[in-house]
Protein backbone atom coordinates (compact mmCIF):
# COMPACT_ATOMS: atom_id res chain seq x y z
CA UNK A 1 0.62 -11.30 -28.29
CA UNK A 2 -0.66 -11.46 -24.74
CA UNK A 3 -2.71 -8.31 -24.06
CA UNK A 4 -1.23 -7.73 -20.62
CA UNK A 5 2.37 -8.12 -21.86
CA UNK A 6 1.66 -5.85 -24.83
CA UNK A 7 0.30 -3.15 -22.56
CA UNK A 8 3.22 -3.38 -20.16
CA UNK A 9 5.77 -3.37 -23.00
CA UNK A 10 4.26 -0.16 -24.40
CA UNK A 11 4.17 1.35 -20.91
CA UNK A 12 7.84 0.54 -20.37
CA UNK A 13 8.97 1.94 -23.70
CA UNK A 14 7.03 5.17 -23.37
CA UNK A 15 7.70 5.76 -19.70
CA UNK A 16 11.28 4.65 -19.23
CA UNK A 17 12.72 8.16 -19.25
CA UNK A 18 10.19 9.50 -16.76
CA UNK A 19 10.52 6.52 -14.42
CA UNK A 20 14.29 6.87 -14.47
CA UNK A 21 13.86 10.51 -13.57
CA UNK A 22 11.47 9.84 -10.72
CA UNK A 23 12.99 6.83 -8.99
CA UNK A 24 15.51 5.44 -11.50
CA UNK A 25 13.26 2.50 -12.26
CA UNK A 26 13.28 0.11 -15.18
CA UNK A 27 10.30 -2.00 -16.17
CA UNK A 28 9.63 -5.69 -16.51
CA UNK A 29 6.52 -7.47 -17.67
CA UNK A 30 5.69 -7.99 -14.02
CA UNK A 31 6.05 -4.27 -13.35
CA UNK A 32 8.82 -4.57 -10.76
CA UNK A 33 11.41 -1.81 -10.23
CA UNK A 34 15.10 -2.40 -10.84
CA UNK A 35 17.21 -2.90 -7.67
CA UNK A 36 20.00 -0.82 -9.23
CA UNK A 37 18.11 2.39 -8.54
CA UNK A 38 19.12 2.26 -4.86
CA UNK A 39 22.63 3.13 -5.96
CA UNK A 40 21.23 6.36 -7.38
CA UNK A 41 20.19 7.45 -3.88
CA UNK A 42 23.76 6.94 -2.71
CA UNK A 43 25.16 8.93 -5.65
CA UNK A 44 22.92 11.96 -5.16
CA UNK A 45 24.88 14.99 -3.92
CA UNK A 46 24.01 16.43 -0.52
CA UNK A 47 22.19 19.75 -0.48
CA UNK A 48 22.92 22.30 2.21
CA UNK A 49 20.10 22.87 4.65
CA UNK A 50 18.47 26.29 4.48
CA UNK A 51 17.12 25.78 8.01
CA UNK A 52 18.74 23.53 10.58
CA UNK A 53 17.56 24.74 13.96
CA UNK A 54 18.08 22.15 16.70
CA UNK A 55 15.02 19.97 17.28
CA UNK A 56 12.69 20.99 20.08
CA UNK A 57 12.65 18.72 23.17
CA UNK A 58 9.10 17.49 23.72
CA UNK A 59 9.61 15.58 26.96
CA UNK A 60 12.42 13.91 28.87
CA UNK A 61 12.69 11.56 31.82
CA UNK A 62 16.44 11.69 32.61
CA UNK A 63 17.96 8.25 32.71
CA UNK A 64 15.12 6.75 30.65
CA UNK A 65 13.97 8.65 27.53
CA UNK A 66 14.16 11.90 25.61
CA UNK A 67 11.89 12.74 22.66
CA UNK A 68 12.49 15.63 20.23
CA UNK A 69 10.63 17.05 17.24
CA UNK A 70 12.18 19.03 14.41
CA UNK A 71 12.32 19.78 10.72
CA UNK A 72 14.82 20.24 7.94
CA UNK A 73 14.43 22.54 4.93
CA UNK A 74 16.39 22.74 1.70
CA UNK A 75 15.90 24.00 -1.83
CA UNK A 76 17.45 23.59 -5.24
CA UNK A 77 17.13 26.46 -7.69
CA UNK A 78 16.23 25.77 -11.30
CA UNK A 79 19.71 26.72 -12.49
CA UNK A 80 21.25 23.98 -10.34
CA UNK A 81 19.63 21.33 -12.54
CA UNK A 82 21.41 22.35 -15.74
CA UNK A 83 24.51 20.22 -15.16
CA UNK A 84 22.70 17.28 -13.58
CA UNK A 85 21.79 14.07 -15.33
CA UNK A 86 18.06 13.81 -15.93
CA UNK A 87 17.91 10.94 -13.41
CA UNK A 88 19.07 13.32 -10.67
CA UNK A 89 16.87 16.31 -11.42
CA UNK A 90 14.22 17.15 -8.89
CA UNK A 91 15.80 15.32 -5.96
CA UNK A 92 16.93 17.08 -2.79
CA UNK A 93 19.09 15.06 -0.40
CA UNK A 94 20.21 16.26 3.04
CA UNK A 95 22.02 14.84 6.04
CA UNK A 96 21.25 15.70 9.64
CA UNK A 97 22.54 14.59 13.02
CA UNK A 98 22.14 15.33 16.72
CA UNK A 99 23.64 14.36 20.05
CA UNK A 100 21.54 12.09 22.25
CA UNK A 101 21.76 12.13 26.07
CA UNK A 102 24.61 10.26 27.79
CA UNK A 103 22.21 7.81 29.41
CA UNK A 104 20.65 6.78 26.07
CA UNK A 105 22.10 3.82 24.20
CA UNK A 106 19.33 3.47 21.59
CA UNK A 107 17.80 6.05 19.25
CA UNK A 108 15.80 6.32 16.05
CA UNK A 109 14.06 8.91 13.89
CA UNK A 110 10.86 8.72 11.84
CA UNK A 111 8.93 10.92 9.42
CA UNK A 112 6.14 13.08 10.83
CA UNK A 113 5.19 15.24 7.85
CA UNK A 114 6.39 16.88 4.66
CA UNK A 115 5.93 19.94 2.44
CA UNK A 116 7.01 20.47 -1.18
CA UNK A 117 6.70 23.39 -3.58
CA UNK A 118 7.84 24.48 -7.02
CA UNK A 119 10.00 27.59 -7.01
CA UNK A 120 9.07 30.50 -9.26
CA UNK A 121 5.71 32.03 -9.99
CA UNK A 122 4.11 29.18 -11.93
CA UNK A 123 2.41 25.96 -10.91
CA UNK A 124 3.18 22.69 -12.67
CA UNK A 125 1.89 19.22 -13.38
CA UNK A 126 3.15 16.39 -11.18
CA UNK A 127 5.02 13.28 -12.33
CA UNK A 128 6.50 12.37 -8.96
CA UNK A 129 6.56 13.41 -5.32
CA UNK A 130 7.80 11.91 -2.10
CA UNK A 131 9.88 12.13 1.05
CA UNK A 132 12.07 9.37 2.48
CA UNK A 133 14.21 9.11 5.63
CA UNK A 134 17.07 6.60 5.47
CA UNK A 135 20.63 5.72 6.47
CA UNK A 136 19.81 5.94 10.17
CA UNK A 137 22.88 5.24 12.26
CA UNK A 138 23.97 5.70 15.86
CA UNK A 139 27.67 5.98 16.63
CA UNK A 140 28.42 6.76 20.24
CA UNK A 141 26.04 9.58 21.14
CA UNK A 142 25.61 10.85 17.57
CA UNK A 143 22.45 9.92 15.67
CA UNK A 144 22.76 10.56 11.91
CA UNK A 145 20.34 10.14 9.02
CA UNK A 146 19.71 11.18 5.43
CA UNK A 147 16.44 12.43 3.93
CA UNK A 148 15.34 12.81 0.32
CA UNK A 149 12.51 14.89 -1.12
CA UNK A 150 11.22 15.18 -4.67
CA UNK A 151 8.56 17.14 -6.55
CA UNK A 152 8.82 17.26 -10.32
CA UNK A 153 7.07 17.30 -13.66
CA UNK A 154 8.37 15.73 -16.88
CA UNK A 155 11.31 18.01 -17.60
CA UNK A 156 12.29 18.89 -14.01
CA UNK A 157 13.44 22.35 -15.04
CA UNK A 158 11.80 23.99 -12.04
CA UNK A 159 13.54 24.38 -8.71
CA UNK A 160 12.09 22.86 -5.54
CA UNK A 161 11.64 23.94 -1.94
CA UNK A 162 11.22 21.08 0.52
CA UNK A 163 10.68 20.65 4.25
CA UNK A 164 10.36 17.40 6.14
CA UNK A 165 9.32 16.98 9.77
CA UNK A 166 10.76 14.32 12.02
CA UNK A 167 10.57 12.95 15.56
CA UNK A 168 13.59 11.51 17.37
CA UNK A 169 13.34 9.01 20.24
CA UNK A 170 16.40 8.29 22.40
CA UNK A 171 16.20 5.87 25.31
CA UNK A 172 18.04 3.60 27.72
CA UNK A 173 17.09 0.01 26.95
CA UNK A 174 17.87 -0.99 30.55
CA UNK A 175 15.00 1.28 31.65
CA UNK A 176 12.68 0.65 28.68
CA UNK A 177 12.18 -2.77 27.09
CA UNK A 178 12.30 -1.37 23.56
CA UNK A 179 14.40 -2.46 20.58
CA UNK A 180 14.58 -0.82 17.15
CA UNK A 181 15.02 -2.20 13.64
CA UNK A 182 15.90 0.41 11.03
CA UNK A 183 18.58 -1.78 9.41
CA UNK A 184 20.11 0.60 6.85
CA UNK A 185 22.88 2.67 8.45
CA UNK A 186 25.24 1.96 5.54
CA UNK A 187 22.82 2.13 2.61
CA UNK A 188 19.78 4.27 1.92
CA UNK A 189 17.79 1.16 1.06
CA UNK A 190 19.61 -2.03 1.95
CA UNK A 191 18.30 -4.79 -0.28
CA UNK A 192 19.01 -8.48 -0.26
CA UNK A 193 18.57 -9.00 3.47
CA UNK A 194 15.42 -11.10 3.06
CA UNK A 195 12.84 -10.58 5.75
CA UNK A 196 14.65 -7.63 7.31
CA UNK A 197 14.35 -5.29 4.31
CA UNK A 198 12.70 -2.12 5.65
CA UNK A 199 11.35 -0.85 2.33
CA UNK A 200 9.73 -1.74 -0.96
CA UNK A 201 9.21 -0.09 -4.32
CA UNK A 202 6.55 -1.47 -6.62
CA UNK A 203 3.78 -0.51 -9.05
CA UNK A 204 0.00 -0.55 -9.05
CA UNK A 205 -0.10 -2.54 -12.27
CA UNK A 206 0.99 -6.05 -13.24
CA UNK A 207 -0.47 -9.51 -12.99
CA UNK A 208 -0.87 -9.37 -9.21
CA UNK A 209 -2.50 -5.91 -9.04
CA UNK A 210 -5.11 -5.56 -11.76
CA UNK A 211 -7.06 -2.85 -10.00
CA UNK A 212 -9.64 -0.71 -11.77
CA UNK A 213 -9.41 2.33 -9.47
CA UNK A 214 -6.66 4.62 -8.23
CA UNK A 215 -6.74 2.94 -4.81
CA UNK A 216 -3.95 0.41 -4.34
CA UNK A 217 -3.11 -1.93 -1.47
CA UNK A 218 0.30 -3.38 -0.64
CA UNK A 219 1.13 -5.98 2.01
CA UNK A 220 4.57 -6.27 3.58
CA UNK A 221 6.28 -7.92 6.52
CA UNK A 222 9.38 -7.59 8.64
CA UNK A 223 11.23 -10.51 10.19
CA UNK A 224 13.70 -10.07 13.03
CA UNK A 225 15.00 -12.21 15.85
CA UNK A 226 15.69 -9.13 17.99
CA UNK A 227 12.14 -8.66 19.23
CA UNK A 228 10.69 -10.84 22.00
CA UNK A 229 8.33 -13.48 20.56
CA UNK A 230 5.26 -12.25 22.46
CA UNK A 231 5.97 -8.51 22.61
CA UNK A 232 4.20 -5.87 20.56
CA UNK A 233 5.77 -4.38 17.45
CA UNK A 234 5.03 -0.86 16.20
CA UNK A 235 5.61 0.15 12.57
CA UNK A 236 7.03 3.67 12.26
CA UNK A 237 6.55 5.64 9.00
CA UNK A 238 9.79 6.72 7.35
CA UNK A 239 8.61 7.81 3.95
CA UNK A 240 6.72 7.34 0.72
CA UNK A 241 7.17 7.98 -2.98
CA UNK A 242 4.81 8.26 -5.96
CA UNK A 243 5.81 8.31 -9.62
CA UNK A 244 4.05 7.86 -12.94
CA UNK A 245 4.99 7.75 -16.60
CA UNK A 246 3.66 11.21 -17.47
CA UNK A 247 3.04 14.44 -15.66
CA UNK A 248 -0.60 15.31 -15.09
CA UNK A 249 -2.76 17.53 -12.98
CA UNK A 250 -3.45 16.33 -9.47
CA UNK A 251 -6.83 15.72 -7.89
CA UNK A 252 -5.93 13.55 -4.90
CA UNK A 253 -2.96 11.96 -3.20
CA UNK A 254 -3.28 9.76 -0.10
CA UNK A 255 -1.34 7.33 2.08
CA UNK A 256 -2.46 4.99 4.85
CA UNK A 257 -0.06 2.81 6.83
CA UNK A 258 -2.71 0.52 8.20
CA UNK A 259 -2.99 -1.92 11.09
CA UNK A 260 -0.03 -4.19 11.80
CA UNK A 261 0.09 -7.48 13.64
CA UNK A 262 2.72 -10.00 14.77
CA UNK A 263 1.47 -12.50 12.21
CA UNK A 264 2.52 -13.78 8.79
CA UNK A 265 0.33 -15.77 6.40
CA UNK A 266 1.30 -18.90 4.53
CA UNK A 267 1.00 -18.64 0.75
CA UNK A 268 0.43 -14.88 0.70
CA UNK A 269 2.47 -12.64 -1.59
CA UNK A 270 4.13 -9.78 0.31
CA UNK A 271 5.94 -6.78 -1.09
CA UNK A 272 9.62 -6.68 -0.07
CA UNK A 273 12.39 -4.56 -1.58
CA UNK A 274 11.81 -4.90 -5.36
CA UNK A 275 9.40 -7.78 -5.75
CA UNK A 276 6.59 -9.96 -4.44
CA UNK A 277 7.82 -12.70 -2.10
CA UNK A 278 6.47 -15.42 0.13
CA UNK A 279 7.28 -15.29 3.82
CA UNK A 280 10.17 -17.68 4.64
CA UNK A 281 8.16 -20.24 6.55
CA UNK A 282 9.39 -23.75 7.30
CA UNK A 283 6.10 -25.45 6.47
CA UNK A 284 2.55 -24.90 5.11
CA UNK A 285 1.38 -22.99 8.17
CA UNK A 286 0.84 -19.35 9.11
CA UNK A 287 2.65 -18.03 12.18
CA UNK A 288 1.79 -15.72 15.05
CA UNK A 289 4.22 -14.26 17.60
CA UNK A 290 7.27 -15.75 15.89
CA UNK A 291 9.53 -12.87 14.93
CA UNK A 292 7.28 -11.59 12.15
CA UNK A 293 5.18 -8.44 11.88
CA UNK A 294 3.00 -7.70 8.83
CA UNK A 295 0.90 -4.76 7.68
CA UNK A 296 -1.05 -3.29 4.78
CA UNK A 297 -0.47 0.12 3.19
CA UNK A 298 -2.98 1.86 0.93
CA UNK A 299 -2.22 4.61 -1.57
CA UNK A 300 -3.96 6.92 -4.07
CA UNK A 301 -2.32 9.09 -6.73
CA UNK A 302 -4.80 10.44 -9.27
CA UNK A 303 -6.12 13.18 -11.49
CA UNK A 304 -9.64 13.22 -12.97
CA UNK A 305 -9.09 9.83 -14.62
CA UNK A 306 -10.40 6.79 -12.77
CA UNK A 307 -6.94 5.24 -12.76
CA UNK A 308 -3.44 5.86 -14.04
CA UNK A 309 -0.51 3.51 -13.56
CA UNK A 310 1.96 4.67 -10.95
CA UNK A 311 4.89 3.50 -8.91
CA UNK A 312 4.73 3.52 -5.12
CA UNK A 313 7.42 3.12 -2.50
CA UNK A 314 7.47 2.99 1.29
CA UNK A 315 10.09 2.96 4.06
CA UNK A 316 9.45 1.95 7.67
CA UNK A 317 11.17 1.18 10.95
CA UNK A 318 9.95 -1.09 13.71
CA UNK A 319 10.00 -0.80 17.48
CA UNK A 320 9.43 -3.95 19.47
CA UNK A 321 9.53 -5.06 23.06
CA UNK A 322 7.46 -5.62 26.17
CA UNK A 323 7.14 -1.87 26.79
CA UNK A 324 5.79 -1.12 23.28
CA UNK A 325 2.10 -0.65 22.45
CA UNK A 326 0.04 1.07 19.76
CA UNK A 327 -3.29 2.88 19.60
CA UNK A 328 -4.56 3.36 16.07
CA UNK A 329 -7.88 4.96 15.16
CA UNK A 330 -9.86 3.58 12.21
CA UNK A 331 -8.98 5.39 8.99
CA UNK A 332 -9.66 4.77 5.33
CA UNK A 333 -8.94 6.45 2.02
CA UNK A 334 -11.13 6.23 -1.07
CA UNK A 335 -10.69 7.63 -4.59
CA UNK A 336 -12.54 10.88 -5.24
CA UNK A 337 -14.00 11.86 -8.56
CA UNK A 338 -14.20 15.30 -10.13
CA UNK A 339 -17.17 17.47 -9.24
CA UNK A 340 -18.86 20.24 -11.15
CA UNK A 341 -21.34 23.06 -10.80
CA UNK A 342 -22.78 23.66 -7.35
CA UNK A 343 -21.09 20.51 -6.02
CA UNK A 344 -17.82 22.47 -5.95
CA UNK A 345 -19.14 25.00 -3.46
CA UNK A 346 -18.01 23.99 0.01
CA UNK A 347 -17.62 25.78 3.30
CA UNK A 348 -14.96 23.46 4.68
CA UNK A 349 -12.23 23.66 2.08
CA UNK A 350 -8.93 25.25 3.13
CA UNK A 351 -7.10 28.01 1.28
CA UNK A 352 -3.37 28.35 1.89
CA UNK A 353 -1.88 26.68 4.96
CA UNK A 354 -4.53 25.33 7.30
CA UNK A 355 -3.48 24.61 10.89
CA UNK A 356 -5.68 22.93 13.48
CA UNK A 357 -5.17 21.77 17.08
CA UNK A 358 -6.14 18.26 18.21
CA UNK A 359 -6.34 16.78 21.72
CA UNK A 360 -6.56 13.10 22.73
CA UNK A 361 -7.47 12.41 26.35
CA UNK A 362 -7.18 9.25 28.44
CA UNK A 363 -4.03 7.91 26.74
CA UNK A 364 -2.92 4.81 28.72
CA UNK A 365 0.86 5.14 28.40
CA UNK A 366 3.68 6.53 30.49
CA UNK A 367 5.09 8.01 27.28
CA UNK A 368 3.03 8.67 24.13
CA UNK A 369 4.24 9.84 20.72
CA UNK A 370 2.05 10.79 17.73
CA UNK A 371 2.88 9.33 14.32
CA UNK A 372 1.32 10.81 11.17
CA UNK A 373 0.60 7.41 9.61
CA UNK A 374 -2.30 8.30 7.29
CA UNK A 375 -3.33 11.32 5.27
CA UNK A 376 -5.32 12.48 2.26
CA UNK A 377 -5.01 15.74 0.31
CA UNK A 378 -7.38 16.67 -2.51
CA UNK A 379 -8.70 19.60 -4.47
CA UNK A 380 -12.33 20.41 -3.89
CA UNK A 381 -13.63 20.29 -7.46
CA UNK A 382 -11.38 18.71 -10.08
CA UNK A 383 -7.72 18.26 -10.86
CA UNK A 384 -5.36 21.23 -10.96
CA UNK A 385 -1.72 22.08 -11.34
CA UNK A 386 0.31 22.19 -8.13
CA UNK A 387 2.33 25.02 -6.66
CA UNK A 388 2.65 23.76 -3.09
CA UNK A 389 1.62 20.55 -1.31
CA UNK A 390 2.14 18.91 2.07
CA UNK A 391 0.81 17.78 5.44
CA UNK A 392 2.76 17.77 8.71
CA UNK A 393 2.70 17.84 12.51
CA UNK A 394 3.93 21.29 13.48
CA UNK A 395 4.31 20.63 17.18
CA UNK A 396 3.02 18.28 19.84
CA UNK A 397 3.09 17.58 23.57
CA UNK A 398 2.29 14.81 26.02
CA UNK A 399 1.28 15.72 29.55
CA UNK A 400 0.75 13.14 32.28
CA UNK A 401 0.15 13.63 35.98
CA UNK A 402 2.28 11.05 37.84
CA UNK A 403 -0.73 10.29 40.02
CA UNK A 404 -2.93 9.59 36.99
CA UNK A 405 -2.34 6.49 34.83
CA UNK A 406 -3.62 8.32 31.74
CA UNK A 407 -2.28 11.36 29.90
CA UNK A 408 -3.20 14.00 27.32
CA UNK A 409 -1.67 14.06 23.86
CA UNK A 410 -1.96 17.35 21.93
CA UNK A 411 -0.71 18.17 18.44
CA UNK A 412 -1.04 20.81 15.75
CA UNK A 413 -1.60 19.56 12.21
CA UNK A 414 -0.98 21.75 9.16
CA UNK A 415 -1.57 21.12 5.47
CA UNK A 416 -1.52 22.82 2.10
CA UNK A 417 -2.48 21.97 -1.47
CA UNK A 418 -2.73 24.85 -3.93
CA UNK A 419 -2.06 26.01 -7.43
CA UNK A 420 -0.72 29.48 -8.16
CA UNK A 421 -4.19 31.05 -7.77
CA UNK A 422 -5.03 29.20 -4.54
CA UNK A 423 -8.56 28.65 -5.82
CA UNK A 424 -10.24 26.30 -5.20
CA UNK A 425 -8.99 25.35 -1.77
CA UNK A 426 -8.20 21.86 -0.54
CA UNK A 427 -9.73 19.23 1.70
CA UNK A 428 -7.80 16.91 3.94
CA UNK A 429 -8.14 14.03 6.36
CA UNK A 430 -5.51 12.37 8.52
CA UNK A 431 -4.71 9.66 11.02
CA UNK A 432 -2.36 9.84 13.99
CA UNK A 433 -1.26 6.50 15.38
CA UNK A 434 -0.16 6.74 19.00
CA UNK A 435 3.11 4.99 19.78
CA UNK A 436 2.90 4.07 23.45
CA UNK A 437 5.84 3.21 25.68
CA UNK A 438 5.21 1.62 29.09
CA UNK A 439 1.45 0.99 29.07
CA UNK A 440 -0.19 2.03 32.31
CA UNK A 441 -3.22 -0.25 31.98
CA UNK A 442 -2.98 -3.84 33.15
CA UNK A 443 -4.10 -5.12 29.73
CA UNK A 444 -2.06 -4.06 26.70
CA UNK A 445 -4.23 -3.58 23.65
CA UNK A 446 -2.87 -3.00 20.15
């Protein structure tokens, strides 16, 4: 029997129950998820928000744009899981909406942070965690979306407390040359639309991803005829999900939505929806500036072992147009290994919630919006159980003097990773990609 097929068959048989619990996935010898799991997202019951304060306006130019930042919180007590099917345990699903200004005819929302915790006094292992924003729709002046959060171990008996942070952009497309593709108002993950699928769910194993470390890389693309052929396209983060076939301690979890470009490569396998696909090109050539945008995403989900198999999923939106630009600082994530002895003693690890203010000067846009597009959370020494985990933008502002072509972007970043003893603390790193609207420099640089 082929060694690879034998391994994957054993993995499927032993992990089927857990994978169904985490993202309702079935296995194949190629390691691809089952498209039927999207229906599970639709079937999940809505949970009432425990906090639903209106989002805070960040800035507004009446007649052109309004940007808001907010959060939603919900929890499910352990007793609520008793009557649920095991596939549904651990998930929290909410719906939120808001009214956009009368002058705005376009709007979207993206993910700008998340926080998850087990209820009760104990910490637990982790089999799956994630946050996803989907079903974005605009009807009249009402913008509506759903969001899903999950943190669970094998049995999912524990209750969860979950908060996600979001940013809303509403604009008049007669004043701003900006178009949006979020393409899933009717379904949480709309599959079967070819190049316009805004998500994928895959694994870090299989014949195309024989990696030997916990670091994985996934390439994807979006194809749309809505965007101008030579305009910039920005990829907006809308969520992530990790799942594996057993619950384990956690050492490190990381996500990096990397550089994107209006380019698609001939012969390259891209991740779309539930499988690896080739870009739908008409001939044996790569294309630039032709309705495509492609990007790489990197992920890490590990304990003290060098590598464990896991499933990974991502959701995105895209903004395109002549008034769109992006500034993205270099950022990378690398697997960390367990430390011992004096190596564990550090002065820069964080205990509890750590908040820090950041300022970016000389931003060359009329309007600038921070996007938390990369992050890493890890314990200082070795793997531990988890009680609470998350990283998010608490608040932010953009200030620009009309007489000055450049502005100042400020934001407060918070994070937490702890077990029930909160010892050791955690380390973190992050990346904020700046979404720019109406560049003020004569040369637009991505």
